[in-house]
């Protein structure tokens, strides 16, 4: 046997041993087919959208005044006060009582009309609108903590996984349906 043949036999033996050893290692330690899911946390996003809300509101306000100077109340009060004052006394006293009654009646009539005008209200319906914001929360993904063999890791998925995630050639198959 020559040297080159001996070298070839030794190299072949080493190669067969290495391949066999690797295959034996693979047989004893096969690649995991699934990663175990340890925790799943939903990732959410909250958005606010404006919305207009309108209500019909009854508004009470003072009625329009037809006699802002209250001349009618003053005149009626003055006539009534003058007539009452004229009934009292005689001579000059009667004249003074008539003038005093007219003045007091005019003032009283003015105040009565003022109170009546201030208490007179009209109602109308007014539409009032305001913008309110509604919150909407939606799930945009899932943060998944997993264990693959002895290693732990975390990945974001677009769907909620089951208890295991499929593995192919050492890579998580995130688009594959989760195995039960």
Protein backbone atom coordinates (compact mmCIF):
# COMPACT_ATOMS: atom_id res chain seq x y z
CA UNK A 1 0.00 0.00 0.00
CA UNK A 2 1.45 3.30 -0.94
CA UNK A 3 1.34 6.54 0.95
CA UNK A 4 -1.35 8.24 -1.15
CA UNK A 5 -3.65 5.25 -0.82
CA UNK A 6 -3.10 5.18 2.91
CA UNK A 7 -3.83 8.91 3.08
CA UNK A 8 -7.07 8.38 1.10
CA UNK A 9 -8.21 5.56 3.37
CA UNK A 10 -7.51 7.60 6.48
CA UNK A 11 -9.28 10.69 5.03
CA UNK A 12 -12.28 8.54 4.04
CA UNK A 13 -12.43 7.01 7.50
CA UNK A 14 -12.30 10.42 9.12
CA UNK A 15 -15.06 11.69 6.78
CA UNK A 16 -17.30 8.68 7.43
CA UNK A 17 -16.75 9.05 11.16
CA UNK A 18 -17.55 12.77 11.05
CA UNK A 19 -20.68 12.27 8.93
CA UNK A 20 -21.78 9.36 11.03
CA UNK A 21 -21.10 11.29 14.20
CA UNK A 22 -23.10 14.28 12.94
CA UNK A 23 -25.94 12.01 11.85
CA UNK A 24 -25.81 10.28 15.20
CA UNK A 25 -25.82 13.63 16.94
CA UNK A 26 -28.82 14.69 14.82
CA UNK A 27 -30.58 11.44 15.64
CA UNK A 28 -29.94 11.90 19.35
CA UNK A 29 -30.66 15.66 19.29
CA UNK A 30 -33.24 16.25 16.56
CA UNK A 31 -34.17 19.83 15.66
CA UNK A 32 -37.33 20.89 17.47
CA UNK A 33 -40.43 20.97 15.28
CA UNK A 34 -42.25 23.43 17.56
CA UNK A 35 -41.41 26.35 19.84
CA UNK A 36 -43.32 26.43 23.12
CA UNK A 37 -45.32 29.63 23.67
CA UNK A 38 -44.62 31.02 27.14
CA UNK A 39 -46.63 34.26 27.11
CA UNK A 40 -48.81 36.26 24.74
CA UNK A 41 -49.55 39.95 25.17
CA UNK A 42 -51.89 41.83 22.85
CA UNK A 43 -50.48 45.02 21.33
CA UNK A 44 -53.25 47.61 20.98
CA UNK A 45 -53.60 51.02 19.43
CA UNK A 46 -56.15 53.59 20.55
CA UNK A 47 -57.45 56.17 18.11
CA UNK A 48 -59.82 59.04 18.75
CA UNK A 49 -62.29 60.15 16.15
CA UNK A 50 -64.36 63.34 16.29
CA UNK A 51 -68.14 63.16 16.26
CA UNK A 52 -70.62 66.02 16.19
CA UNK A 53 -73.45 65.73 18.73
CA UNK A 54 -76.41 68.10 18.44
CA UNK A 55 -79.27 68.73 20.89
CA UNK A 56 -82.39 70.87 20.69
CA UNK A 57 -82.44 73.17 23.73
CA UNK A 58 -85.38 75.30 24.91
CA UNK A 59 -84.22 78.85 25.52
CA UNK A 60 -86.35 81.25 27.59
CA UNK A 61 -85.81 84.94 27.05
CA UNK A 62 -87.58 88.15 27.92
CA UNK A 63 -90.40 88.95 25.52
CA UNK A 64 -90.00 92.03 23.33
CA UNK A 65 -91.28 95.12 25.13
CA UNK A 66 -93.92 97.18 23.27
CA UNK A 67 -93.84 100.13 25.69
CA UNK A 68 -90.23 100.51 26.92
CA UNK A 69 -90.99 103.79 28.76
CA UNK A 70 -93.99 102.22 30.51
CA UNK A 71 -96.23 105.17 29.58
CA UNK A 72 -99.45 103.13 29.70
CA UNK A 73 -98.82 101.92 33.26
CA UNK A 74 -97.82 105.40 34.38
CA UNK A 75 -100.90 107.01 32.80
CA UNK A 76 -103.37 104.45 34.13
CA UNK A 77 -101.77 104.62 37.60
CA UNK A 78 -101.84 108.44 37.58
CA UNK A 79 -105.54 108.55 36.61
CA UNK A 80 -106.46 105.93 39.23
CA UNK A 81 -104.34 107.67 41.91
CA UNK A 82 -105.80 111.07 41.00
CA UNK A 83 -109.36 109.75 41.27
CA UNK A 84 -108.63 108.21 44.67
CA UNK A 85 -106.86 111.37 45.88
CA UNK A 86 -109.81 113.49 44.72
CA UNK A 87 -112.10 111.52 47.06
CA UNK A 88 -110.13 112.73 50.08
CA UNK A 89 -110.61 116.09 51.73
CA UNK A 90 -112.05 119.25 50.33
CA UNK A 91 -110.89 122.58 48.84
CA UNK A 92 -107.12 123.01 48.60
CA UNK A 93 -106.58 119.73 50.44
CA UNK A 94 -108.58 117.96 47.79
CA UNK A 95 -106.38 119.44 45.05
CA UNK A 96 -103.21 118.43 46.89
CA UNK A 97 -104.61 114.94 47.51
CA UNK A 98 -105.54 114.65 43.82
CA UNK A 99 -102.03 115.72 42.68
CA UNK A 100 -100.35 113.50 45.28
CA UNK A 101 -102.60 110.56 44.38
CA UNK A 102 -101.86 111.08 40.69
CA UNK A 103 -98.08 111.16 41.35
CA UNK A 104 -98.16 108.09 43.62
CA UNK A 105 -100.51 106.26 41.25
CA UNK A 106 -98.29 107.11 38.24
CA UNK A 107 -95.23 105.72 40.01
CA UNK A 108 -97.09 102.61 41.18
CA UNK A 109 -98.50 102.00 37.69
CA UNK A 110 -95.01 102.40 36.18
CA UNK A 111 -93.55 99.81 38.58
CA UNK A 112 -96.43 97.35 38.03
CA UNK A 113 -95.92 97.54 34.26
CA UNK A 114 -92.13 97.13 34.73
CA UNK A 115 -92.63 93.91 36.76
CA UNK A 116 -95.10 92.56 34.21
CA UNK A 117 -92.69 93.25 31.34
CA UNK A 118 -89.69 91.69 33.12
CA UNK A 119 -91.60 88.50 33.98
CA UNK A 120 -93.03 88.01 30.52
CA UNK A 121 -90.88 85.47 28.65
CA UNK A 122 -91.01 83.65 25.35
CA UNK A 123 -89.55 80.23 24.60
CA UNK A 124 -87.80 79.12 21.46
CA UNK A 125 -85.94 75.99 20.47
CA UNK A 126 -82.28 76.38 19.56
CA UNK A 127 -80.04 73.68 18.06
CA UNK A 128 -76.67 73.47 19.83
CA UNK A 129 -73.87 71.26 18.55
CA UNK A 130 -70.53 70.25 20.02
CA UNK A 131 -67.70 67.96 18.99
CA UNK A 132 -66.97 64.94 21.17
CA UNK A 133 -64.20 62.39 20.69
CA UNK A 134 -64.86 58.67 20.71
CA UNK A 135 -61.99 56.30 21.53
CA UNK A 136 -61.54 53.11 19.55
CA UNK A 137 -59.04 50.47 20.63
CA UNK A 138 -57.93 47.79 18.22
CA UNK A 139 -55.41 44.99 18.44
CA UNK A 140 -52.57 45.45 15.95
CA UNK A 141 -50.49 42.39 16.88
CA UNK A 142 -49.26 40.11 19.64
CA UNK A 143 -45.93 40.09 21.45
CA UNK A 144 -45.12 36.41 21.95
CA UNK A 145 -42.46 35.07 24.32
CA UNK A 146 -41.37 31.55 23.35
CA UNK A 147 -38.84 28.82 24.12
CA UNK A 148 -37.05 27.00 21.29
CA UNK A 149 -34.91 24.25 22.73
CA UNK A 150 -32.96 25.89 25.55
CA UNK A 151 -33.23 29.40 24.09
CA UNK A 152 -35.96 31.92 24.92
CA UNK A 153 -36.96 34.73 22.58
CA UNK A 154 -39.68 37.19 21.72
CA UNK A 155 -41.40 37.95 18.43
CA UNK A 156 -44.36 40.08 17.28
CA UNK A 157 -47.04 38.19 15.39
CA UNK A 158 -50.08 39.44 13.48
CA UNK A 159 -52.30 36.69 14.87
CA UNK A 160 -52.67 35.09 18.28
CA UNK A 161 -50.68 31.84 18.40
CA UNK A 162 -51.75 28.63 20.03
CA UNK A 163 -49.61 26.86 22.64
CA UNK A 164 -46.87 26.10 20.06
CA UNK A 165 -45.33 27.75 17.00
CA UNK A 166 -44.14 25.50 14.12
CA UNK A 167 -40.40 25.48 13.39
CA UNK A 168 -38.75 24.58 10.06
CA UNK A 169 -34.97 24.48 9.58
CA UNK A 170 -34.52 26.20 12.94
CA UNK A 171 -36.77 29.14 11.95
CA UNK A 172 -40.16 30.01 13.46
CA UNK A 173 -42.99 29.69 10.93
CA UNK A 174 -44.95 32.77 11.91
CA UNK A 175 -47.43 32.60 9.03
CA UNK A 176 -48.27 28.95 9.60
CA UNK A 177 -51.35 28.13 11.65
CA UNK A 178 -50.51 27.29 15.23
CA UNK A 179 -50.47 23.63 16.12
CA UNK A 180 -52.66 22.51 19.00
